[in-house]
């Protein structure tokens, strides 16, 4: 089951499975989102909850107990209920259950809203703590965009422009955990030139990010902007040779190699008090090429 929302400039399709964005098209019907070809990667835009990345041995510790929790959590493989649907907006919900409490011992309500206005898609995840104690949590967005984008620009002409210069070192993973050693940022000033060899050692993890917006595309051609004002971390990832690049605003990231503590102390995790709600949001704005005057 899925929901389609649209404006004159943009059309988005959202699946009840994982509350996942599965299609994003402009007014000409061109696809900007990856098609989920399982030969490379079957995801399209999964939601990462209640963890981002992997935890050590795929287990978290909470109040002296251990719980098995798979990479990126369970929201992406859960069926959401469609709570609202209108021509330009929809809202989907996942609530804690006996099954989720066996993996993550915190009662919650997760509402994910999608709204289209003009050429912009807004995605907001609202995580409510419905339990009686503080709830530690991470959350991440994982949209995969076409590489190359529509409009026939060469693959090697694509780049990511950051809002600010990103000179801080980045992190890489080893067996899914964040390495202790950082490495120099591949961003030159504000520009990351996209090449497959960037991703031979897996994702680029920006855990000291200054920017809260990036623009992806080819110069003087099609591009899109991703804004993530309240998300402090960013992952950029693809499989070398695949036709997508993921631009992933996160709150949190995988376990550091030397982390062995309680989930509430995990770097990047935030705490939501009983009865409170925390919101995580991004916007995606599609920007076709500017038509030059004849």
Protein backbone atom coordinates (compact mmCIF):
# COMPACT_ATOMS: atom_id res chain seq x y z
CA UNK A 1 0.00 0.00 0.00
CA UNK A 2 1.27 3.48 -0.81
CA UNK A 3 0.19 7.12 -0.96
CA UNK A 4 0.86 9.60 -3.76
CA UNK A 5 1.07 13.32 -3.02
CA UNK A 6 1.85 16.07 -5.49
CA UNK A 7 2.05 19.71 -6.54
CA UNK A 8 2.26 21.09 -10.08
CA UNK A 9 6.07 20.77 -9.84
CA UNK A 10 6.61 17.55 -7.89
CA UNK A 11 5.11 14.11 -7.29
CA UNK A 12 6.08 11.82 -4.41
CA UNK A 13 5.04 8.25 -3.61
CA UNK A 14 5.32 6.92 -0.05
CA UNK A 15 5.00 3.27 0.93
CA UNK A 16 3.36 2.04 4.14
CA UNK A 17 6.29 -0.39 4.38
CA UNK A 18 8.83 1.55 6.37
CA UNK A 19 7.03 4.85 5.65
CA UNK A 20 9.60 5.01 2.86
CA UNK A 21 9.71 7.49 0.01
CA UNK A 22 9.84 5.25 -3.06
CA UNK A 23 9.46 7.71 -5.94
CA UNK A 24 10.14 11.39 -6.58
CA UNK A 25 9.33 12.89 -9.98
CA UNK A 26 9.34 16.39 -11.43
CA UNK A 27 6.60 17.88 -13.61
CA UNK A 28 8.10 16.22 -16.68
CA UNK A 29 7.88 12.78 -15.04
CA UNK A 30 11.64 12.50 -14.62
CA UNK A 31 12.77 10.34 -11.69
CA UNK A 32 15.15 11.90 -9.17
CA UNK A 33 15.11 9.04 -6.66
CA UNK A 34 16.96 5.73 -7.08
CA UNK A 35 14.76 2.86 -8.26
CA UNK A 36 15.90 0.28 -5.70
CA UNK A 37 17.56 -2.12 -8.13
CA UNK A 38 18.46 -5.07 -5.85
CA UNK A 39 21.51 -5.86 -7.99
CA UNK A 40 23.13 -2.92 -6.16
CA UNK A 41 20.90 -1.93 -3.24
CA UNK A 42 17.17 -2.47 -2.74
CA UNK A 43 16.64 0.61 -0.56
CA UNK A 44 15.36 3.90 -1.87
CA UNK A 45 14.95 6.20 1.13
CA UNK A 46 14.73 4.15 4.34
CA UNK A 47 14.16 5.75 7.75
CA UNK A 48 16.73 4.88 10.42
CA UNK A 49 15.21 4.38 13.89
CA UNK A 50 15.96 3.94 16.77
CA UNK A 51 19.62 3.67 15.74
CA UNK A 52 21.75 4.90 12.88
CA UNK A 53 24.29 2.42 11.55
CA UNK A 54 25.39 -0.60 13.54
CA UNK A 55 25.90 -1.18 17.25
CA UNK A 56 28.56 -3.53 18.60
CA UNK A 57 27.55 -7.16 18.04
CA UNK A 58 24.14 -5.82 16.91
CA UNK A 59 23.16 -5.43 20.56
CA UNK A 60 22.39 -2.43 22.78
CA UNK A 61 22.61 -2.21 26.56
CA UNK A 62 19.85 -0.53 28.54
CA UNK A 63 19.44 -0.62 32.33
CA UNK A 64 21.75 -3.60 32.66
CA UNK A 65 20.04 -5.68 29.96
CA UNK A 66 21.07 -6.46 26.39
CA UNK A 67 18.75 -6.30 23.37
CA UNK A 68 19.42 -7.44 19.82
CA UNK A 69 18.96 -4.56 17.40
CA UNK A 70 19.82 -4.84 13.68
CA UNK A 71 21.68 -2.27 11.62
CA UNK A 72 19.68 0.98 11.23
CA UNK A 73 16.95 -0.34 13.57
CA UNK A 74 13.54 -1.73 12.72
CA UNK A 75 11.45 1.17 11.38
CA UNK A 76 12.61 0.55 7.82
CA UNK A 77 11.23 -3.01 7.91
CA UNK A 78 8.00 -2.21 9.80
CA UNK A 79 4.52 -1.65 8.41
CA UNK A 80 3.22 1.82 9.27
CA UNK A 81 -0.44 2.83 9.50
CA UNK A 82 -1.57 5.59 7.15
CA UNK A 83 -3.16 8.14 9.49
CA UNK A 84 -3.79 10.99 7.04
CA UNK A 85 -3.73 11.39 3.27
CA UNK A 86 -4.58 14.43 1.18
CA UNK A 87 -3.50 15.51 -2.31
CA UNK A 88 -0.34 17.18 -0.99
CA UNK A 89 0.24 15.67 2.46
CA UNK A 90 0.32 12.34 4.26
CA UNK A 91 1.16 11.09 7.73
CA UNK A 92 2.10 7.56 8.74
CA UNK A 93 2.48 6.06 12.23
CA UNK A 94 4.38 3.28 13.94
CA UNK A 95 3.83 2.52 17.63
CA UNK A 96 5.83 0.35 19.97
CA UNK A 97 4.64 -3.22 20.38
CA UNK A 98 5.67 -6.41 22.14
CA UNK A 99 7.93 -7.12 19.17
CA UNK A 100 9.71 -3.73 19.28
CA UNK A 101 10.06 -3.79 23.07
CA UNK A 102 12.05 -7.01 22.78
CA UNK A 103 14.61 -5.12 20.70
CA UNK A 104 14.32 -1.60 22.09
CA UNK A 105 12.79 -1.45 25.60
CA UNK A 106 11.17 1.97 25.27
CA UNK A 107 7.52 2.71 24.42
CA UNK A 108 7.23 5.21 21.58
CA UNK A 109 5.04 6.66 18.86
CA UNK A 110 6.72 7.55 15.56
CA UNK A 111 4.79 9.78 13.14
CA UNK A 112 6.29 10.52 9.74
CA UNK A 113 4.78 13.33 7.66
CA UNK A 114 5.41 14.09 4.00
CA UNK A 115 4.27 17.33 2.37
CA UNK A 116 4.78 18.72 -1.12
CA UNK A 117 4.73 22.44 -1.84
CA UNK A 118 5.97 23.72 -5.17
CA UNK A 119 9.25 21.95 -5.97
CA UNK A 120 9.96 21.04 -2.33
CA UNK A 121 9.25 17.85 -0.42
CA UNK A 122 9.29 18.15 3.38
CA UNK A 123 9.76 15.09 5.57
CA UNK A 124 9.23 15.34 9.34
CA UNK A 125 9.59 12.51 11.82
CA UNK A 126 8.06 13.08 15.26
CA UNK A 127 9.26 10.68 17.95
CA UNK A 128 7.10 10.69 21.09
CA UNK A 129 8.16 9.05 24.34
CA UNK A 130 5.02 7.27 25.58
CA UNK A 131 6.81 5.55 28.47
CA UNK A 132 7.57 6.63 32.02
CA UNK A 133 11.37 7.03 31.78
CA UNK A 134 13.77 8.94 29.57
CA UNK A 135 14.14 7.41 26.10
CA UNK A 136 17.52 7.47 24.30
CA UNK A 137 17.22 7.52 20.52
CA UNK A 138 18.92 8.24 17.23
CA UNK A 139 17.24 8.99 13.93
CA UNK A 140 18.41 9.24 10.34
CA UNK A 141 17.23 9.90 6.79
CA UNK A 142 18.75 7.83 3.98
CA UNK A 143 17.50 9.11 0.57
CA UNK A 144 19.25 7.72 -2.50
CA UNK A 145 19.30 10.08 -5.47
CA UNK A 146 20.06 9.22 -9.08
CA UNK A 147 23.69 9.52 -10.08
CA UNK A 148 23.66 10.94 -12.68
CA UNK A 149 20.53 13.04 -12.22
CA UNK A 150 18.08 13.54 -15.08
CA UNK A 151 18.90 15.94 -17.93
CA UNK A 152 21.87 13.95 -19.26
CA UNK A 153 24.83 15.55 -17.49
CA UNK A 154 27.85 13.22 -17.31
CA UNK A 155 28.26 11.17 -14.15
CA UNK A 156 31.70 12.61 -13.42
CA UNK A 157 30.34 16.18 -13.61
CA UNK A 158 28.32 15.69 -10.41
CA UNK A 159 29.38 17.17 -7.09
CA UNK A 160 28.04 18.09 -3.69
CA UNK A 161 28.28 21.71 -2.59
CA UNK A 162 28.20 22.23 1.17
CA UNK A 163 26.72 25.28 2.83
CA UNK A 164 30.06 25.93 4.56
CA UNK A 165 33.65 24.87 4.10
CA UNK A 166 34.07 21.44 5.69
CA UNK A 167 37.67 21.18 6.87
CA UNK A 168 37.15 18.91 9.90
CA UNK A 169 38.33 15.29 9.54
CA UNK A 170 35.78 12.67 8.57
CA UNK A 171 35.22 9.14 9.87
CA UNK A 172 35.10 5.76 8.17
CA UNK A 173 33.74 2.45 9.37
CA UNK A 174 35.36 -0.91 10.01
CA UNK A 175 33.00 -3.90 10.14
CA UNK A 176 30.18 -1.40 10.58
CA UNK A 177 31.69 0.47 13.56
CA UNK A 178 33.28 3.92 13.44
CA UNK A 179 37.07 3.77 13.33
CA UNK A 180 39.04 5.46 16.11
CA UNK A 181 41.27 7.20 13.56
CA UNK A 182 39.87 10.08 11.54
CA UNK A 183 41.04 10.95 8.04
CA UNK A 184 41.32 14.24 6.16
CA UNK A 185 38.14 15.61 4.65
CA UNK A 186 37.87 15.03 0.89
CA UNK A 187 35.86 18.27 0.62
CA UNK A 188 37.82 20.98 -1.17
CA UNK A 189 36.54 24.23 0.29
CA UNK A 190 32.79 23.64 -0.04
CA UNK A 191 32.98 21.15 -2.94
CA UNK A 192 32.99 17.36 -2.88
CA UNK A 193 33.67 16.04 -6.39
CA UNK A 194 31.92 12.68 -6.66
CA UNK A 195 34.04 9.73 -7.75
CA UNK A 196 33.45 6.02 -7.19
CA UNK A 197 36.80 5.56 -5.47
CA UNK A 198 35.64 7.84 -2.65
CA UNK A 199 33.42 5.00 -1.46
CA UNK A 200 35.74 2.02 -1.75
CA UNK A 201 36.15 2.23 2.05
CA UNK A 202 32.37 2.62 2.61
CA UNK A 203 30.52 5.81 3.58
CA UNK A 204 31.91 9.24 4.37
CA UNK A 205 30.80 10.09 7.92
CA UNK A 206 30.77 13.78 8.87
CA UNK A 207 30.54 13.79 12.67
CA UNK A 208 31.85 17.36 13.02
CA UNK A 209 29.62 18.93 10.41
CA UNK A 210 29.26 22.69 10.09
CA UNK A 211 26.77 22.79 7.19
CA UNK A 212 23.05 22.25 7.49
CA UNK A 213 22.37 22.27 3.76
CA UNK A 214 23.95 20.74 0.66
CA UNK A 215 23.30 21.02 -3.07
CA UNK A 216 23.89 18.02 -5.31
CA UNK A 217 24.11 17.93 -9.08
CA UNK A 218 26.11 19.00 -12.11
CA UNK A 219 27.11 22.62 -12.60
CA UNK A 220 24.83 24.54 -14.97
CA UNK A 221 22.43 21.59 -15.04
CA UNK A 222 19.90 19.83 -12.83
CA UNK A 223 20.46 19.83 -9.08
CA UNK A 224 18.65 19.36 -5.82
CA UNK A 225 19.09 20.88 -2.38
CA UNK A 226 18.78 19.00 0.88
CA UNK A 227 18.20 21.11 4.01
CA UNK A 228 18.50 19.57 7.48
CA UNK A 229 18.61 22.38 10.01
CA UNK A 230 18.37 20.25 13.16
CA UNK A 231 20.42 17.22 12.04
CA UNK A 232 24.07 17.54 13.19
CA UNK A 233 25.65 14.63 11.31
CA UNK A 234 25.82 13.53 7.69
CA UNK A 235 26.65 10.38 5.78
CA UNK A 236 27.36 10.20 2.05
CA UNK A 237 27.43 6.75 0.51
CA UNK A 238 27.10 4.62 -2.58
CA UNK A 239 28.36 1.31 -3.89
CA UNK A 240 31.05 2.00 -6.49
CA UNK A 241 29.50 1.79 -9.95
CA UNK A 242 25.91 2.04 -8.71
CA UNK A 243 23.51 4.61 -10.16
CA UNK A 244 22.83 6.44 -6.90
CA UNK A 245 24.38 8.52 -4.17
CA UNK A 246 22.86 8.72 -0.69
CA UNK A 247 22.83 12.04 1.16
CA UNK A 248 21.95 11.09 4.73
CA UNK A 249 21.26 13.66 7.46
CA UNK A 250 21.55 11.95 10.84
CA UNK A 251 21.15 12.47 14.54
CA UNK A 252 23.72 9.93 15.64
CA UNK A 253 25.91 7.37 13.87
CA UNK A 254 27.29 3.85 14.35
CA UNK A 255 29.03 2.76 17.55
CA UNK A 256 32.62 3.95 17.78
CA UNK A 257 35.03 1.00 17.90
CA UNK A 258 35.82 1.54 21.58
CA UNK A 259 32.28 2.20 22.83
CA UNK A 260 30.94 -0.43 25.26
CA UNK A 261 28.54 1.56 27.44
CA UNK A 262 24.81 1.94 27.92
CA UNK A 263 22.81 3.02 24.87
CA UNK A 264 21.92 6.27 26.65
CA UNK A 265 25.64 7.16 26.66
CA UNK A 266 26.27 6.30 23.01
CA UNK A 267 27.77 9.28 21.09
CA UNK A 268 25.15 11.03 18.94
CA UNK A 269 22.18 9.69 20.91
CA UNK A 270 19.65 12.17 22.30
CA UNK A 271 17.27 11.71 25.24
CA UNK A 272 13.53 12.33 25.06
CA UNK A 273 11.76 12.79 28.40
CA UNK A 274 8.56 10.99 29.28
CA UNK A 275 5.60 12.58 27.51
CA UNK A 276 7.81 14.69 25.25
CA UNK A 277 8.27 14.64 21.46
CA UNK A 278 11.40 15.25 19.40
CA UNK A 279 11.19 16.18 15.72
CA UNK A 280 13.70 15.43 12.97
CA UNK A 281 13.17 17.03 9.58
CA UNK A 282 14.62 17.53 6.13
CA UNK A 283 13.49 19.18 2.91
CA UNK A 284 14.38 18.16 -0.63
CA UNK A 285 14.06 20.80 -3.33
CA UNK A 286 14.28 19.77 -6.99
CA UNK A 287 15.95 22.30 -9.30
CA UNK A 288 15.71 21.57 -13.05
CA UNK A 289 18.17 23.44 -15.28
CA UNK A 290 17.49 27.11 -15.75
CA UNK A 291 16.29 27.67 -19.29
CA UNK A 292 18.52 30.09 -21.11
CA UNK A 293 16.85 32.80 -23.22
CA UNK A 294 16.84 32.08 -26.93
